[in-house]
């Protein structure tokens, strides 16, 4: 049985599933690219390309995360499984909230790094997102520090989130992970 379009009381719909996995892949990809590009030198062939790709994907991801948050209002998440303990339900809600907060902080701070000199960001040369702050002395450094720690926090929490899903799948043998993969429940 395939996943429905919208979430139900006990299943994630395919829209939520696709948004979840695209955001997850983009976050890990952006982290890897960001880590790689900070050590590039002027003469490296990726010196201009890597930041352009990083910023472009980051802004598209920002739009996707906003869409995902809107989708959660339209299509609420399924109920927790009956075997989940209270601490697991509470920690899952807190972790999801902090994940959303960190991803938004990472994206806004990344935007501020790039626009602190009053320049816009070209998104794959399709359109330009202008600076909203104008030239702000010191903003690039402050935003850079926030971006650094927010992205590390996001990465660590995402790994813990994934480990929790694997714990439910392997140890608890429940359908937590299967629901986010769109796979039919165990019998």
N, C-alpha and C. Protein backbone atom coordinates (compact mmCIF):
# COMPACT_ATOMS: atom_id res chain seq x y z
N UNK A 1 0.85 -1.17 0.00
CA UNK A 1 0.00 0.00 0.00
C UNK A 1 0.89 1.24 0.00
N UNK A 2 0.68 2.14 -0.92
CA UNK A 2 1.49 3.35 -0.99
C UNK A 2 0.98 4.40 -0.03
N UNK A 3 1.85 5.37 0.25
CA UNK A 3 1.51 6.44 1.19
C UNK A 3 0.45 7.36 0.56
N UNK A 4 -0.46 7.87 1.37
CA UNK A 4 -1.43 8.85 0.87
C UNK A 4 -0.72 10.19 0.61
N UNK A 5 -1.41 11.12 0.00
CA UNK A 5 -0.83 12.44 -0.26
C UNK A 5 -0.64 13.20 1.04
N UNK A 6 -1.70 13.26 1.85
CA UNK A 6 -1.65 13.98 3.12
C UNK A 6 -1.43 12.99 4.26
N UNK A 7 -1.00 13.51 5.40
CA UNK A 7 -0.82 12.67 6.58
C UNK A 7 -2.18 12.20 7.08
N UNK A 8 -2.17 11.01 7.65
CA UNK A 8 -3.36 10.50 8.33
C UNK A 8 -3.03 10.37 9.81
N UNK A 9 -3.94 9.87 10.59
CA UNK A 9 -3.71 9.72 12.03
C UNK A 9 -2.56 8.76 12.33
N UNK A 10 -2.30 7.81 11.42
CA UNK A 10 -1.25 6.83 11.70
C UNK A 10 -0.16 6.73 10.62
N UNK A 11 -0.23 7.57 9.57
CA UNK A 11 0.77 7.50 8.49
C UNK A 11 1.16 8.89 8.02
N UNK A 12 2.39 8.99 7.55
CA UNK A 12 2.82 10.21 6.87
C UNK A 12 2.42 10.09 5.41
N UNK A 13 1.99 11.20 4.85
CA UNK A 13 1.69 11.25 3.43
C UNK A 13 2.95 11.46 2.63
N UNK A 14 2.87 11.23 1.32
CA UNK A 14 4.08 11.33 0.50
C UNK A 14 4.64 12.75 0.45
N UNK A 15 3.80 13.78 0.60
CA UNK A 15 4.32 15.16 0.60
C UNK A 15 5.24 15.36 1.80
N UNK A 16 4.80 14.94 2.97
CA UNK A 16 5.64 15.05 4.17
C UNK A 16 6.91 14.22 4.05
N UNK A 17 6.78 13.03 3.48
CA UNK A 17 7.93 12.14 3.33
C UNK A 17 8.97 12.77 2.40
N UNK A 18 8.53 13.27 1.25
CA UNK A 18 9.46 13.88 0.29
C UNK A 18 10.11 15.12 0.90
N UNK A 19 9.30 15.98 1.53
CA UNK A 19 9.86 17.18 2.15
C UNK A 19 10.89 16.83 3.22
N UNK A 20 10.59 15.83 4.04
CA UNK A 20 11.51 15.41 5.10
C UNK A 20 12.85 14.98 4.53
N UNK A 21 12.84 14.10 3.54
CA UNK A 21 14.09 13.54 3.03
C UNK A 21 14.86 14.54 2.17
N UNK A 22 14.17 15.39 1.43
CA UNK A 22 14.88 16.40 0.65
C UNK A 22 15.57 17.39 1.60
N UNK A 23 14.87 17.81 2.64
CA UNK A 23 15.47 18.73 3.62
C UNK A 23 16.66 18.05 4.30
N UNK A 24 16.50 16.79 4.70
CA UNK A 24 17.60 16.08 5.37
C UNK A 24 18.83 15.98 4.45
N UNK A 25 18.63 15.59 3.21
CA UNK A 25 19.75 15.48 2.28
C UNK A 25 20.40 16.84 2.03
N UNK A 26 19.58 17.87 1.89
CA UNK A 26 20.11 19.21 1.66
C UNK A 26 20.92 19.70 2.86
N UNK A 27 20.44 19.46 4.06
CA UNK A 27 21.16 19.89 5.26
C UNK A 27 22.52 19.23 5.33
N UNK A 28 22.58 17.92 5.15
CA UNK A 28 23.87 17.22 5.21
C UNK A 28 24.77 17.63 4.04
N UNK A 29 24.18 17.80 2.87
CA UNK A 29 24.96 18.24 1.71
C UNK A 29 25.52 19.63 1.88
N UNK A 30 24.68 20.55 2.39
CA UNK A 30 25.15 21.91 2.62
C UNK A 30 26.23 21.96 3.69
N UNK A 31 26.09 21.14 4.72
CA UNK A 31 27.12 21.09 5.77
C UNK A 31 28.45 20.62 5.17
N UNK A 32 28.39 19.57 4.38
CA UNK A 32 29.62 19.04 3.76
C UNK A 32 30.24 20.08 2.83
N UNK A 33 29.41 20.71 1.99
CA UNK A 33 29.93 21.71 1.06
C UNK A 33 30.48 22.93 1.81
N UNK A 34 29.77 23.36 2.85
CA UNK A 34 30.24 24.49 3.65
C UNK A 34 31.56 24.21 4.32
N UNK A 35 31.70 23.01 4.85
CA UNK A 35 32.96 22.62 5.49
C UNK A 35 34.09 22.59 4.47
N UNK A 36 33.81 22.09 3.28
CA UNK A 36 34.80 22.01 2.21
C UNK A 36 35.21 23.39 1.72
N UNK A 37 34.26 24.27 1.53
CA UNK A 37 34.55 25.54 0.85
C UNK A 37 35.30 26.55 1.72
N UNK A 38 35.24 26.41 3.04
CA UNK A 38 35.92 27.41 3.87
C UNK A 38 37.44 27.35 3.75
N UNK A 39 37.96 26.25 3.27
CA UNK A 39 39.42 26.12 3.12
C UNK A 39 39.90 26.32 1.69
N UNK A 40 39.00 26.71 0.78
CA UNK A 40 39.40 26.92 -0.61
C UNK A 40 40.25 28.19 -0.73
N UNK A 41 41.21 28.14 -1.62
CA UNK A 41 42.03 29.32 -1.90
C UNK A 41 41.54 29.98 -3.17
N UNK A 42 42.00 31.19 -3.38
CA UNK A 42 41.56 31.98 -4.52
C UNK A 42 41.79 31.25 -5.85
N UNK A 43 42.82 30.48 -5.95
CA UNK A 43 43.16 29.81 -7.21
C UNK A 43 42.49 28.45 -7.37
N UNK A 44 41.74 28.02 -6.41
CA UNK A 44 41.01 26.75 -6.52
C UNK A 44 39.85 26.91 -7.49
N UNK A 45 39.60 25.90 -8.31
CA UNK A 45 38.54 25.99 -9.31
C UNK A 45 37.15 26.11 -8.68
N UNK A 46 36.98 25.69 -7.45
CA UNK A 46 35.68 25.76 -6.76
C UNK A 46 35.53 27.03 -5.91
N UNK A 47 36.52 27.91 -5.93
CA UNK A 47 36.52 29.10 -5.07
C UNK A 47 35.25 29.93 -5.22
N UNK A 48 34.76 30.10 -6.43
CA UNK A 48 33.53 30.88 -6.67
C UNK A 48 32.30 29.97 -6.78
N UNK A 49 32.49 28.79 -7.35
CA UNK A 49 31.36 27.89 -7.58
C UNK A 49 30.75 27.36 -6.28
N UNK A 50 31.60 26.90 -5.37
CA UNK A 50 31.08 26.29 -4.14
C UNK A 50 30.22 27.26 -3.33
N UNK A 51 30.66 28.49 -3.07
CA UNK A 51 29.79 29.40 -2.33
C UNK A 51 28.49 29.72 -3.08
N UNK A 52 28.57 29.84 -4.41
CA UNK A 52 27.37 30.11 -5.20
C UNK A 52 26.36 28.97 -5.05
N UNK A 53 26.83 27.75 -5.16
CA UNK A 53 25.96 26.57 -5.01
C UNK A 53 25.41 26.52 -3.59
N UNK A 54 26.28 26.74 -2.60
CA UNK A 54 25.89 26.69 -1.19
C UNK A 54 24.79 27.71 -0.89
N UNK A 55 24.98 28.93 -1.33
CA UNK A 55 23.99 29.99 -1.09
C UNK A 55 22.69 29.72 -1.84
N UNK A 56 22.79 29.27 -3.07
CA UNK A 56 21.60 29.00 -3.88
C UNK A 56 20.76 27.90 -3.26
N UNK A 57 21.40 26.79 -2.93
CA UNK A 57 20.66 25.68 -2.31
C UNK A 57 20.13 26.10 -0.95
N UNK A 58 20.93 26.87 -0.20
CA UNK A 58 20.48 27.34 1.11
C UNK A 58 19.20 28.16 1.03
N UNK A 59 19.11 29.06 0.06
CA UNK A 59 17.90 29.87 -0.07
C UNK A 59 16.71 29.05 -0.56
N UNK A 60 16.95 28.11 -1.46
CA UNK A 60 15.86 27.22 -1.89
C UNK A 60 15.41 26.34 -0.74
N UNK A 61 16.36 25.90 0.08
CA UNK A 61 16.02 25.11 1.26
C UNK A 61 15.19 25.92 2.24
N UNK A 62 15.53 27.19 2.39
CA UNK A 62 14.75 28.07 3.27
C UNK A 62 13.29 28.09 2.82
N UNK A 63 13.06 28.24 1.53
CA UNK A 63 11.69 28.23 1.00
C UNK A 63 11.03 26.88 1.25
N UNK A 64 11.79 25.80 1.10
CA UNK A 64 11.23 24.47 1.31
C UNK A 64 10.88 24.24 2.79
N UNK A 65 11.71 24.73 3.69
CA UNK A 65 11.42 24.58 5.13
C UNK A 65 10.17 25.38 5.49
N UNK A 66 10.03 26.58 4.93
CA UNK A 66 8.80 27.35 5.17
C UNK A 66 7.59 26.60 4.63
N UNK A 67 7.73 26.00 3.45
CA UNK A 67 6.66 25.18 2.88
C UNK A 67 6.35 23.99 3.79
N UNK A 68 7.40 23.38 4.32
CA UNK A 68 7.22 22.23 5.21
C UNK A 68 6.47 22.63 6.49
N UNK A 69 6.82 23.79 7.03
CA UNK A 69 6.12 24.27 8.24
C UNK A 69 4.65 24.57 7.91
N UNK A 70 4.40 25.16 6.78
CA UNK A 70 3.03 25.43 6.34
C UNK A 70 2.27 24.11 6.13
N UNK A 71 2.94 23.14 5.53
CA UNK A 71 2.33 21.84 5.30
C UNK A 71 1.94 21.16 6.62
N UNK A 72 2.75 21.35 7.64
CA UNK A 72 2.42 20.76 8.96
C UNK A 72 1.13 21.35 9.52
N UNK A 73 0.84 22.61 9.18
CA UNK A 73 -0.42 23.22 9.61
C UNK A 73 -1.60 22.63 8.85
N UNK A 74 -1.39 22.37 7.56
CA UNK A 74 -2.44 21.84 6.70
C UNK A 74 -2.64 20.35 6.93
N UNK A 75 -1.55 19.65 7.16
CA UNK A 75 -1.58 18.19 7.30
C UNK A 75 -0.79 17.80 8.56
N UNK A 76 -1.47 17.83 9.72
CA UNK A 76 -0.76 17.53 10.98
C UNK A 76 -0.09 16.16 10.97
N UNK A 77 0.98 16.05 11.75
CA UNK A 77 1.73 14.80 11.80
C UNK A 77 0.89 13.69 12.45
N UNK A 78 1.18 12.45 12.10
CA UNK A 78 0.46 11.33 12.71
C UNK A 78 0.70 11.26 14.22
N UNK A 79 -0.19 10.56 14.89
CA UNK A 79 -0.04 10.35 16.33
C UNK A 79 1.18 9.50 16.60
N UNK A 80 1.72 9.62 17.80
CA UNK A 80 2.82 8.75 18.22
C UNK A 80 2.31 7.32 18.29
N UNK A 81 3.23 6.39 18.13
CA UNK A 81 2.85 4.99 18.25
C UNK A 81 2.55 4.66 19.71
N UNK A 82 1.68 3.69 19.92
CA UNK A 82 1.22 3.37 21.27
C UNK A 82 2.33 2.83 22.17
N UNK A 83 3.38 2.26 21.59
CA UNK A 83 4.46 1.71 22.41
C UNK A 83 5.48 2.77 22.84
N UNK A 84 5.36 3.99 22.33
CA UNK A 84 6.30 5.04 22.72
C UNK A 84 6.05 5.48 24.16
N UNK A 85 7.15 5.59 24.89
CA UNK A 85 7.06 6.05 26.28
C UNK A 85 6.88 7.56 26.30
N UNK A 86 6.39 8.08 27.42
CA UNK A 86 6.14 9.52 27.54
C UNK A 86 7.40 10.33 27.26
N UNK A 87 8.55 9.91 27.83
CA UNK A 87 9.79 10.66 27.62
C UNK A 87 10.19 10.67 26.15
N UNK A 88 9.88 9.59 25.42
CA UNK A 88 10.19 9.55 23.99
C UNK A 88 9.32 10.53 23.21
N UNK A 89 8.05 10.61 23.58
CA UNK A 89 7.14 11.54 22.91
C UNK A 89 7.55 12.99 23.17
N UNK A 90 7.88 13.29 24.42
CA UNK A 90 8.29 14.66 24.78
C UNK A 90 9.61 15.00 24.10
N UNK A 91 10.58 14.11 24.18
CA UNK A 91 11.88 14.40 23.58
C UNK A 91 11.77 14.52 22.06
N UNK A 92 10.89 13.77 21.43
CA UNK A 92 10.69 13.88 19.98
C UNK A 92 10.13 15.25 19.62
N UNK A 93 9.14 15.71 20.39
CA UNK A 93 8.56 17.04 20.12
C UNK A 93 9.60 18.15 20.32
N UNK A 94 10.36 18.05 21.39
CA UNK A 94 11.40 19.05 21.66
C UNK A 94 12.47 19.00 20.57
N UNK A 95 12.90 17.80 20.19
CA UNK A 95 13.93 17.66 19.16
C UNK A 95 13.46 18.24 17.83
N UNK A 96 12.22 17.94 17.45
CA UNK A 96 11.70 18.49 16.19
C UNK A 96 11.65 20.02 16.25
N UNK A 97 11.20 20.57 17.36
CA UNK A 97 11.15 22.02 17.51
C UNK A 97 12.54 22.64 17.41
N UNK A 98 13.51 22.03 18.08
CA UNK A 98 14.88 22.56 18.05
C UNK A 98 15.49 22.38 16.65
N UNK A 99 15.18 21.27 15.98
CA UNK A 99 15.67 21.09 14.61
C UNK A 99 15.17 22.20 13.70
N UNK A 100 13.87 22.50 13.78
CA UNK A 100 13.32 23.59 12.97
C UNK A 100 13.96 24.93 13.34
N UNK A 101 14.12 25.18 14.63
CA UNK A 101 14.74 26.43 15.07
C UNK A 101 16.16 26.54 14.54
N UNK A 102 16.96 25.50 14.69
CA UNK A 102 18.35 25.53 14.25
C UNK A 102 18.47 25.69 12.73
N UNK A 103 17.60 25.02 12.00
CA UNK A 103 17.68 25.15 10.54
C UNK A 103 17.32 26.56 10.11
N UNK A 104 16.33 27.15 10.76
CA UNK A 104 15.97 28.54 10.42
C UNK A 104 17.07 29.51 10.82
N UNK A 105 17.66 29.33 12.00
CA UNK A 105 18.77 30.19 12.43
C UNK A 105 19.95 30.03 11.49
N UNK A 106 20.25 28.80 11.09
CA UNK A 106 21.37 28.57 10.17
C UNK A 106 21.13 29.26 8.83
N UNK A 107 19.92 29.19 8.33
CA UNK A 107 19.65 29.79 7.02
C UNK A 107 19.60 31.31 7.08
N UNK A 108 19.01 31.85 8.12
CA UNK A 108 18.96 33.32 8.25
C UNK A 108 20.36 33.87 8.48
N UNK A 109 21.14 33.22 9.32
CA UNK A 109 22.51 33.70 9.56
C UNK A 109 23.36 33.55 8.31
N UNK A 110 23.17 32.49 7.53
CA UNK A 110 23.88 32.34 6.27
C UNK A 110 23.54 33.46 5.30
N UNK A 111 22.27 33.80 5.25
CA UNK A 111 21.82 34.92 4.41
C UNK A 111 22.50 36.21 4.86
N UNK A 112 22.55 36.43 6.17
CA UNK A 112 23.14 37.67 6.70
C UNK A 112 24.64 37.75 6.43
N UNK A 113 25.33 36.62 6.46
CA UNK A 113 26.76 36.61 6.13
C UNK A 113 26.95 37.16 4.72
N UNK A 114 26.14 36.67 3.81
CA UNK A 114 26.31 37.00 2.39
C UNK A 114 25.80 38.38 2.01
N UNK A 115 24.90 38.93 2.80
CA UNK A 115 24.30 40.21 2.42
C UNK A 115 24.73 41.37 3.31
N UNK A 116 25.62 41.13 4.25
CA UNK A 116 26.05 42.19 5.17
C UNK A 116 26.77 43.33 4.46
N UNK A 117 27.27 43.06 3.26
CA UNK A 117 27.94 44.12 2.48
C UNK A 117 26.98 44.79 1.50
N UNK A 118 25.69 44.57 1.68
CA UNK A 118 24.63 45.15 0.87
C UNK A 118 24.48 44.50 -0.51
N UNK A 119 25.13 43.36 -0.73
CA UNK A 119 24.96 42.67 -2.01
C UNK A 119 23.86 41.63 -1.89
N UNK A 120 23.20 41.35 -3.00
CA UNK A 120 22.17 40.32 -3.02
C UNK A 120 22.79 38.95 -3.26
N UNK A 121 21.95 37.94 -3.23
CA UNK A 121 22.40 36.58 -3.49
C UNK A 121 21.72 36.09 -4.76
N UNK A 122 22.54 35.72 -5.75
CA UNK A 122 22.00 35.14 -6.98
C UNK A 122 21.72 33.66 -6.73
N UNK A 123 20.49 33.26 -6.97
CA UNK A 123 20.08 31.87 -6.78
C UNK A 123 20.17 31.18 -8.14
N UNK A 124 21.26 30.47 -8.35
CA UNK A 124 21.55 29.77 -9.61
C UNK A 124 21.36 30.67 -10.84
N UNK A 125 21.57 31.97 -10.65
CA UNK A 125 21.40 32.96 -11.71
C UNK A 125 19.98 33.00 -12.28
N UNK A 126 19.01 32.49 -11.49
CA UNK A 126 17.60 32.54 -11.88
C UNK A 126 16.98 33.85 -11.40
N UNK A 127 17.32 34.24 -10.18
CA UNK A 127 16.81 35.47 -9.58
C UNK A 127 17.76 35.87 -8.46
N UNK A 128 17.63 37.10 -8.01
CA UNK A 128 18.49 37.62 -6.94
C UNK A 128 17.65 37.96 -5.73
N UNK A 129 18.10 37.52 -4.57
CA UNK A 129 17.46 37.88 -3.31
C UNK A 129 18.27 39.06 -2.76
N UNK A 130 17.64 40.21 -2.61
CA UNK A 130 18.39 41.41 -2.20
C UNK A 130 18.74 41.40 -0.71
N UNK A 131 19.68 42.24 -0.35
CA UNK A 131 20.03 42.45 1.05
C UNK A 131 18.90 43.21 1.73
N UNK A 132 18.50 42.77 2.88
CA UNK A 132 17.46 43.48 3.64
C UNK A 132 18.07 44.40 4.70
N UNK A 133 19.36 44.23 4.95
CA UNK A 133 19.99 44.99 6.02
C UNK A 133 20.82 46.16 5.51
N UNK A 134 21.18 46.12 4.22
CA UNK A 134 22.13 47.12 3.74
C UNK A 134 23.51 46.80 4.28
N UNK A 135 24.43 47.71 4.11
CA UNK A 135 25.80 47.50 4.59
C UNK A 135 25.81 47.62 6.12
N UNK A 136 26.25 46.56 6.79
CA UNK A 136 26.30 46.54 8.25
C UNK A 136 27.68 46.07 8.70
N UNK A 137 28.45 46.97 9.23
CA UNK A 137 29.80 46.64 9.69
C UNK A 137 29.73 45.65 10.86
N UNK A 138 30.48 44.57 10.77
CA UNK A 138 30.56 43.57 11.82
C UNK A 138 29.49 42.49 11.74
N UNK A 139 28.46 42.70 10.93
CA UNK A 139 27.37 41.72 10.84
C UNK A 139 27.85 40.40 10.26
N UNK A 140 28.72 40.46 9.28
CA UNK A 140 29.22 39.24 8.65
C UNK A 140 29.91 38.34 9.67
N UNK A 141 30.72 38.92 10.54
CA UNK A 141 31.44 38.13 11.55
C UNK A 141 30.48 37.54 12.59
N UNK A 142 29.56 38.37 13.06
CA UNK A 142 28.59 37.89 14.06
C UNK A 142 27.71 36.80 13.47
N UNK A 143 27.18 37.05 12.27
CA UNK A 143 26.34 36.06 11.61
C UNK A 143 27.13 34.79 11.31
N UNK A 144 28.41 34.94 10.98
CA UNK A 144 29.25 33.78 10.71
C UNK A 144 29.41 32.90 11.92
N UNK A 145 29.59 33.51 13.08
CA UNK A 145 29.70 32.75 14.32
C UNK A 145 28.40 32.02 14.64
N UNK A 146 27.29 32.73 14.50
CA UNK A 146 25.97 32.11 14.73
C UNK A 146 25.76 30.96 13.75
N UNK A 147 26.11 31.19 12.48
CA UNK A 147 25.93 30.17 11.44
C UNK A 147 26.77 28.93 11.76
N UNK A 148 28.00 29.14 12.17
CA UNK A 148 28.89 28.03 12.50
C UNK A 148 28.28 27.15 13.60
N UNK A 149 27.89 27.77 14.70
CA UNK A 149 27.38 26.98 15.82
C UNK A 149 25.99 26.41 15.55
N UNK A 150 25.15 27.14 14.83
CA UNK A 150 23.82 26.62 14.50
C UNK A 150 23.92 25.40 13.59
N UNK A 151 24.84 25.45 12.62
CA UNK A 151 24.97 24.31 11.71
C UNK A 151 25.56 23.10 12.42
N UNK A 152 26.51 23.32 13.30
CA UNK A 152 27.05 22.19 14.07
C UNK A 152 25.97 21.60 14.98
N UNK A 153 25.21 22.47 15.65
CA UNK A 153 24.12 21.98 16.49
C UNK A 153 23.09 21.22 15.68
N UNK A 154 22.77 21.73 14.51
CA UNK A 154 21.81 21.07 13.62
C UNK A 154 22.31 19.71 13.20
N UNK A 155 23.57 19.63 12.82
CA UNK A 155 24.15 18.35 12.40
C UNK A 155 24.12 17.32 13.54
N UNK A 156 24.56 17.74 14.71
CA UNK A 156 24.59 16.82 15.86
C UNK A 156 23.17 16.35 16.20
N UNK A 157 22.22 17.27 16.25
CA UNK A 157 20.85 16.89 16.59
C UNK A 157 20.22 16.02 15.50
N UNK A 158 20.55 16.28 14.24
CA UNK A 158 20.03 15.45 13.14
C UNK A 158 20.57 14.02 13.24
N UNK A 159 21.83 13.88 13.63
CA UNK A 159 22.41 12.55 13.81
C UNK A 159 21.72 11.83 14.98
N UNK A 160 21.48 12.54 16.06
CA UNK A 160 20.78 11.95 17.21
C UNK A 160 19.35 11.56 16.79
N UNK A 161 18.70 12.42 16.01
CA UNK A 161 17.35 12.14 15.50
C UNK A 161 17.36 10.86 14.66
N UNK A 162 18.34 10.73 13.78
CA UNK A 162 18.46 9.53 12.96
C UNK A 162 18.75 8.30 13.81
N UNK A 163 19.59 8.46 14.82
CA UNK A 163 19.90 7.34 15.72
C UNK A 163 18.64 6.90 16.47
N UNK A 164 17.81 7.87 16.86
CA UNK A 164 16.55 7.53 17.52
C UNK A 164 15.63 6.74 16.61
N UNK A 165 15.57 7.14 15.34
CA UNK A 165 14.74 6.40 14.38
C UNK A 165 15.26 4.98 14.20
N UNK A 166 16.59 4.83 14.13
CA UNK A 166 17.17 3.49 14.01
C UNK A 166 16.93 2.66 15.27
N UNK A 167 16.99 3.30 16.43
CA UNK A 167 16.69 2.60 17.69
C UNK A 167 15.27 2.04 17.67
N UNK A 168 14.32 2.87 17.21
CA UNK A 168 12.93 2.40 17.12
C UNK A 168 12.80 1.26 16.12
N UNK A 169 13.55 1.32 15.03
CA UNK A 169 13.44 0.32 13.98
C UNK A 169 14.12 -1.00 14.36
N UNK A 170 15.32 -0.90 14.91
CA UNK A 170 16.12 -2.10 15.17
C UNK A 170 15.85 -2.70 16.54
N UNK A 171 15.82 -1.87 17.58
CA UNK A 171 15.67 -2.39 18.94
C UNK A 171 14.20 -2.56 19.31
N UNK A 172 13.41 -1.50 19.14
CA UNK A 172 12.00 -1.56 19.51
C UNK A 172 11.17 -2.32 18.48
N UNK A 173 11.69 -2.41 17.26
CA UNK A 173 11.01 -3.09 16.15
C UNK A 173 9.60 -2.54 15.92
N UNK A 174 9.51 -1.19 15.98
CA UNK A 174 8.22 -0.57 15.70
C UNK A 174 8.25 0.13 14.34
N UNK A 175 7.18 0.80 13.99
CA UNK A 175 7.02 1.37 12.65
C UNK A 175 7.42 2.84 12.53
N UNK A 176 8.13 3.38 13.50
CA UNK A 176 8.51 4.79 13.46
C UNK A 176 9.23 5.14 12.16
N UNK A 177 10.29 4.45 11.85
CA UNK A 177 11.07 4.73 10.64
C UNK A 177 10.29 4.34 9.38
N UNK A 178 9.61 3.23 9.44
CA UNK A 178 8.85 2.77 8.27
C UNK A 178 7.81 3.81 7.85
N UNK A 179 7.22 4.50 8.82
CA UNK A 179 6.22 5.53 8.48
C UNK A 179 6.86 6.67 7.69
N UNK A 180 8.09 7.06 8.03
CA UNK A 180 8.74 8.17 7.32
C UNK A 180 9.37 7.70 6.01
N UNK A 181 9.45 6.41 5.82
CA UNK A 181 9.92 5.87 4.54
C UNK A 181 8.75 5.55 3.60
N UNK A 182 7.52 5.63 4.12
CA UNK A 182 6.35 5.32 3.30
C UNK A 182 6.16 3.84 3.09
N UNK A 183 6.74 3.03 3.98
CA UNK A 183 6.67 1.57 3.86
C UNK A 183 5.51 1.07 4.72
N UNK A 184 4.83 0.04 4.22
CA UNK A 184 3.72 -0.53 4.96
C UNK A 184 4.15 -1.02 6.33
N UNK A 185 3.19 -1.00 7.23
CA UNK A 185 3.47 -1.40 8.61
C UNK A 185 3.77 -2.88 8.72
N UNK A 186 4.50 -3.22 9.78
CA UNK A 186 4.78 -4.63 10.09
C UNK A 186 3.50 -5.29 10.54
N UNK A 187 3.40 -6.52 10.28
CA UNK A 187 2.21 -7.29 10.70
C UNK A 187 2.46 -8.01 11.97
